[in-house]
Amino acid sequence: MSTSVLVKKMQDEAKAQGRDTEIFACSASEADQKLDTMKIDVVLLGPQVAYMRADFENKLKGRGEGGKDIPFDVIDMRAYGMMDGKTVLAQADKLMGK
């Protein structure tokens, strides 16, 4: 539930910045299917699944553009708790080198 609220706030912030982005949330169990069927630029894990970091590191190896690893990180716990879409969007941008 809270993740969908954060996604909405990130989408609103991206729109306010004039950006055309696709931001979505899925369960950890849905991640493999999404990785197989979509172009994913960055993955942010909710703090509640931070324990899965090593699993995702392996899943994301070589799955990005040009065979590169897809960048990922755990969402900053404070930003997640505050539902701070602007900060979390900036975290994603930083991971993508923007």
N, C-alpha and C. Protein backbone atom coordinates (compact mmCIF):
# COMPACT_ATOMS: atom_id res chain seq x y z
N MET A 1 0.82 -1.20 0.00
CA MET A 1 0.00 0.00 0.00
C MET A 1 0.86 1.26 0.00
N SER A 2 1.78 1.35 0.94
CA SER A 2 2.60 2.57 1.03
C SER A 2 3.49 2.73 -0.19
N THR A 3 3.92 1.61 -0.78
CA THR A 3 4.76 1.71 -1.97
C THR A 3 3.99 2.34 -3.12
N SER A 4 2.72 2.03 -3.27
CA SER A 4 1.93 2.62 -4.35
C SER A 4 1.76 4.12 -4.13
N VAL A 5 1.67 4.56 -2.89
CA VAL A 5 1.60 5.99 -2.59
C VAL A 5 2.90 6.67 -3.01
N LEU A 6 4.02 6.06 -2.68
CA LEU A 6 5.32 6.62 -3.05
C LEU A 6 5.47 6.68 -4.57
N VAL A 7 5.06 5.63 -5.26
CA VAL A 7 5.13 5.63 -6.73
C VAL A 7 4.33 6.80 -7.30
N LYS A 8 3.13 7.01 -6.78
CA LYS A 8 2.29 8.13 -7.26
C LYS A 8 2.99 9.46 -7.03
N LYS A 9 3.62 9.62 -5.88
CA LYS A 9 4.32 10.88 -5.60
C LYS A 9 5.53 11.05 -6.52
N MET A 10 6.21 9.96 -6.83
CA MET A 10 7.33 10.03 -7.77
C MET A 10 6.83 10.39 -9.17
N GLN A 11 5.72 9.79 -9.59
CA GLN A 11 5.13 10.10 -10.89
C GLN A 11 4.73 11.57 -10.96
N ASP A 12 4.12 12.07 -9.90
CA ASP A 12 3.71 13.48 -9.86
C ASP A 12 4.93 14.40 -9.96
N GLU A 13 6.01 14.05 -9.27
CA GLU A 13 7.23 14.86 -9.32
C GLU A 13 7.85 14.83 -10.72
N ALA A 14 7.90 13.66 -11.33
CA ALA A 14 8.44 13.55 -12.68
C ALA A 14 7.62 14.40 -13.66
N LYS A 15 6.31 14.35 -13.53
CA LYS A 15 5.43 15.15 -14.38
C LYS A 15 5.67 16.63 -14.15
N ALA A 16 5.83 17.04 -12.89
CA ALA A 16 6.09 18.45 -12.57
C ALA A 16 7.40 18.92 -13.18
N GLN A 17 8.34 18.00 -13.35
CA GLN A 17 9.63 18.32 -13.97
C GLN A 17 9.57 18.22 -15.50
N GLY A 18 8.39 17.89 -16.03
CA GLY A 18 8.23 17.79 -17.48
C GLY A 18 8.85 16.54 -18.08
N ARG A 19 8.95 15.51 -17.28
CA ARG A 19 9.59 14.28 -17.74
C ARG A 19 8.55 13.22 -18.10
N ASP A 20 8.86 12.46 -19.13
CA ASP A 20 8.02 11.35 -19.54
C ASP A 20 8.69 10.06 -19.05
N THR A 21 8.28 9.59 -17.90
CA THR A 21 8.90 8.41 -17.31
C THR A 21 7.84 7.38 -16.95
N GLU A 22 8.27 6.15 -16.86
CA GLU A 22 7.38 5.09 -16.36
C GLU A 22 7.94 4.63 -15.03
N ILE A 23 7.16 4.79 -14.01
CA ILE A 23 7.55 4.40 -12.66
C ILE A 23 6.48 3.43 -12.16
N PHE A 24 6.92 2.28 -11.67
CA PHE A 24 5.95 1.30 -11.18
C PHE A 24 6.55 0.52 -10.02
N ALA A 25 5.70 -0.12 -9.29
CA ALA A 25 6.12 -1.00 -8.20
C ALA A 25 5.61 -2.40 -8.49
N CYS A 26 6.37 -3.37 -8.04
CA CYS A 26 5.93 -4.75 -8.14
C CYS A 26 6.49 -5.51 -6.95
N SER A 27 5.93 -6.67 -6.72
CA SER A 27 6.43 -7.50 -5.62
C SER A 27 7.75 -8.12 -6.04
N ALA A 28 8.51 -8.55 -5.07
CA ALA A 28 9.78 -9.21 -5.36
C ALA A 28 9.56 -10.44 -6.23
N SER A 29 8.45 -11.14 -6.01
CA SER A 29 8.17 -12.34 -6.80
C SER A 29 7.81 -12.02 -8.25
N GLU A 30 7.34 -10.82 -8.52
CA GLU A 30 7.01 -10.40 -9.89
C GLU A 30 8.22 -9.84 -10.64
N ALA A 31 9.29 -9.58 -9.94
CA ALA A 31 10.43 -8.88 -10.53
C ALA A 31 11.03 -9.63 -11.71
N ASP A 32 11.18 -10.94 -11.62
CA ASP A 32 11.77 -11.70 -12.72
C ASP A 32 10.98 -11.53 -14.00
N GLN A 33 9.65 -11.62 -13.90
CA GLN A 33 8.80 -11.47 -15.08
C GLN A 33 8.95 -10.07 -15.67
N LYS A 34 8.99 -9.06 -14.83
CA LYS A 34 9.16 -7.69 -15.31
C LYS A 34 10.52 -7.53 -15.99
N LEU A 35 11.55 -8.11 -15.40
CA LEU A 35 12.89 -8.01 -15.99
C LEU A 35 12.95 -8.71 -17.35
N ASP A 36 12.17 -9.77 -17.52
CA ASP A 36 12.16 -10.50 -18.78
C ASP A 36 11.36 -9.80 -19.87
N THR A 37 10.40 -8.97 -19.49
CA THR A 37 9.47 -8.42 -20.48
C THR A 37 9.56 -6.91 -20.67
N MET A 38 10.33 -6.23 -19.85
CA MET A 38 10.37 -4.76 -19.92
C MET A 38 11.82 -4.27 -19.95
N LYS A 39 12.00 -3.07 -20.50
CA LYS A 39 13.31 -2.41 -20.42
C LYS A 39 13.33 -1.66 -19.09
N ILE A 40 14.21 -2.08 -18.22
CA ILE A 40 14.31 -1.51 -16.88
C ILE A 40 15.62 -0.73 -16.79
N ASP A 41 15.53 0.54 -16.39
CA ASP A 41 16.72 1.38 -16.28
C ASP A 41 17.32 1.38 -14.89
N VAL A 42 16.49 1.22 -13.88
CA VAL A 42 16.96 1.26 -12.49
C VAL A 42 15.95 0.52 -11.62
N VAL A 43 16.43 -0.07 -10.54
CA VAL A 43 15.56 -0.76 -9.59
C VAL A 43 15.83 -0.19 -8.20
N LEU A 44 14.76 0.16 -7.52
CA LEU A 44 14.85 0.61 -6.13
C LEU A 44 14.07 -0.38 -5.28
N LEU A 45 14.72 -0.91 -4.28
CA LEU A 45 14.07 -1.85 -3.36
C LEU A 45 13.51 -1.09 -2.18
N GLY A 46 12.31 -1.46 -1.76
CA GLY A 46 11.75 -0.88 -0.55
C GLY A 46 12.57 -1.33 0.66
N PRO A 47 12.66 -0.49 1.67
CA PRO A 47 13.43 -0.86 2.86
C PRO A 47 13.00 -2.19 3.48
N GLN A 48 11.73 -2.54 3.31
CA GLN A 48 11.21 -3.77 3.88
C GLN A 48 11.77 -5.02 3.21
N VAL A 49 12.38 -4.88 2.03
CA VAL A 49 13.00 -6.02 1.35
C VAL A 49 14.51 -5.81 1.17
N ALA A 50 15.09 -4.97 1.99
CA ALA A 50 16.53 -4.72 1.92
C ALA A 50 17.33 -6.01 2.08
N TYR A 51 16.77 -6.96 2.81
CA TYR A 51 17.45 -8.25 3.02
C TYR A 51 17.63 -9.02 1.71
N MET A 52 16.92 -8.63 0.64
CA MET A 52 17.01 -9.30 -0.66
C MET A 52 18.06 -8.66 -1.57
N ARG A 53 18.82 -7.74 -1.05
CA ARG A 53 19.81 -7.00 -1.84
C ARG A 53 20.72 -7.93 -2.65
N ALA A 54 21.29 -8.94 -2.03
CA ALA A 54 22.21 -9.85 -2.72
C ALA A 54 21.50 -10.60 -3.84
N ASP A 55 20.26 -11.02 -3.59
CA ASP A 55 19.48 -11.70 -4.63
C ASP A 55 19.30 -10.80 -5.84
N PHE A 56 18.96 -9.54 -5.58
CA PHE A 56 18.73 -8.62 -6.69
C PHE A 56 20.03 -8.27 -7.40
N GLU A 57 21.12 -8.20 -6.67
CA GLU A 57 22.40 -7.94 -7.31
C GLU A 57 22.68 -9.01 -8.37
N ASN A 58 22.40 -10.26 -8.04
CA ASN A 58 22.59 -11.35 -9.00
C ASN A 58 21.58 -11.28 -10.13
N LYS A 59 20.32 -10.99 -9.83
CA LYS A 59 19.28 -10.92 -10.86
C LYS A 59 19.55 -9.83 -11.89
N LEU A 60 20.18 -8.74 -11.46
CA LEU A 60 20.34 -7.57 -12.32
C LEU A 60 21.66 -7.56 -13.09
N LYS A 61 22.52 -8.51 -12.83
CA LYS A 61 23.81 -8.57 -13.54
C LYS A 61 23.58 -8.84 -15.02
N GLY A 62 24.14 -7.98 -15.84
CA GLY A 62 24.09 -8.18 -17.28
C GLY A 62 22.73 -8.03 -17.91
N ARG A 63 21.73 -7.53 -17.18
CA ARG A 63 20.37 -7.44 -17.72
C ARG A 63 20.03 -6.07 -18.25
N GLY A 64 20.97 -5.14 -18.15
CA GLY A 64 20.71 -3.78 -18.61
C GLY A 64 21.10 -3.61 -20.07
N GLU A 65 20.99 -2.38 -20.51
CA GLU A 65 21.32 -2.04 -21.89
C GLU A 65 22.78 -2.37 -22.19
N GLY A 66 23.00 -3.02 -23.32
CA GLY A 66 24.35 -3.38 -23.73
C GLY A 66 25.00 -4.42 -22.83
N GLY A 67 24.19 -5.19 -22.12
CA GLY A 67 24.72 -6.22 -21.24
C GLY A 67 25.29 -5.71 -19.93
N LYS A 68 25.04 -4.44 -19.65
CA LYS A 68 25.51 -3.88 -18.38
C LYS A 68 24.58 -4.29 -17.25
N ASP A 69 25.08 -4.16 -16.03
CA ASP A 69 24.24 -4.42 -14.86
C ASP A 69 23.21 -3.30 -14.72
N ILE A 70 22.01 -3.65 -14.31
CA ILE A 70 21.00 -2.63 -14.01
C ILE A 70 21.33 -2.05 -12.64
N PRO A 71 21.47 -0.72 -12.56
CA PRO A 71 21.78 -0.13 -11.26
C PRO A 71 20.61 -0.29 -10.29
N PHE A 72 20.95 -0.48 -9.02
CA PHE A 72 19.89 -0.63 -8.01
C PHE A 72 20.41 -0.20 -6.65
N ASP A 73 19.46 0.04 -5.77
CA ASP A 73 19.78 0.38 -4.39
C ASP A 73 18.50 0.21 -3.57
N VAL A 74 18.66 0.28 -2.28
CA VAL A 74 17.52 0.28 -1.36
C VAL A 74 17.10 1.74 -1.17
N ILE A 75 15.82 2.00 -1.23
CA ILE A 75 15.30 3.36 -1.03
C ILE A 75 15.70 3.84 0.36
N ASP A 76 16.16 5.08 0.39
CA ASP A 76 16.51 5.71 1.66
C ASP A 76 15.32 5.58 2.62
N MET A 77 15.58 5.03 3.80
CA MET A 77 14.49 4.73 4.74
C MET A 77 13.73 5.99 5.17
N ARG A 78 14.44 7.07 5.37
CA ARG A 78 13.77 8.31 5.78
C ARG A 78 12.86 8.82 4.66
N ALA A 79 13.38 8.82 3.42
CA ALA A 79 12.58 9.28 2.28
C ALA A 79 11.36 8.38 2.09
N TYR A 80 11.55 7.07 2.29
CA TYR A 80 10.43 6.14 2.17
C TYR A 80 9.38 6.42 3.24
N GLY A 81 9.82 6.58 4.46
CA GLY A 81 8.90 6.84 5.56
C GLY A 81 8.13 8.14 5.40
N MET A 82 8.78 9.15 4.81
CA MET A 82 8.15 10.45 4.60
C MET A 82 7.36 10.49 3.28
N MET A 83 7.43 9.39 2.51
CA MET A 83 6.78 9.34 1.20
C MET A 83 7.26 10.51 0.34
N ASP A 84 8.56 10.74 0.34
CA ASP A 84 9.19 11.87 -0.35
C ASP A 84 9.54 11.47 -1.78
N GLY A 85 8.57 11.62 -2.67
CA GLY A 85 8.75 11.24 -4.07
C GLY A 85 9.88 11.97 -4.75
N LYS A 86 10.08 13.23 -4.42
CA LYS A 86 11.14 14.02 -5.04
C LYS A 86 12.52 13.45 -4.70
N THR A 87 12.74 13.13 -3.44
CA THR A 87 14.03 12.58 -3.02
C THR A 87 14.28 11.20 -3.61
N VAL A 88 13.26 10.37 -3.65
CA VAL A 88 13.43 9.02 -4.18
C VAL A 88 13.65 9.08 -5.69
N LEU A 89 12.97 9.98 -6.38
CA LEU A 89 13.21 10.16 -7.81
C LEU A 89 14.65 10.61 -8.05
N ALA A 90 15.14 11.51 -7.21
CA ALA A 90 16.53 11.96 -7.32
C ALA A 90 17.50 10.81 -7.06
N GLN A 91 17.15 9.91 -6.14
CA GLN A 91 17.98 8.74 -5.87
C GLN A 91 18.07 7.86 -7.12
N ALA A 92 16.94 7.66 -7.79
CA ALA A 92 16.93 6.87 -9.03
C ALA A 92 17.77 7.56 -10.10
N ASP A 93 17.61 8.87 -10.24
CA ASP A 93 18.39 9.62 -11.23
C ASP A 93 19.89 9.47 -10.98
N LYS A 94 20.28 9.57 -9.74
CA LYS A 94 21.70 9.45 -9.38
C LYS A 94 22.24 8.08 -9.78
N LEU A 95 21.47 7.04 -9.54
CA LEU A 95 21.89 5.70 -9.91
C LEU A 95 22.05 5.56 -11.42
N MET A 96 21.22 6.29 -12.16
CA MET A 96 21.29 6.23 -13.63
C MET A 96 22.32 7.21 -14.19
N GLY A 97 22.98 7.95 -13.32
CA GLY A 97 24.00 8.89 -13.77
C GLY A 97 23.45 10.17 -14.33
N LYS A 98 22.26 10.55 -13.92
CA LYS A 98 21.63 11.78 -14.41
C LYS A 98 21.86 12.91 -13.43
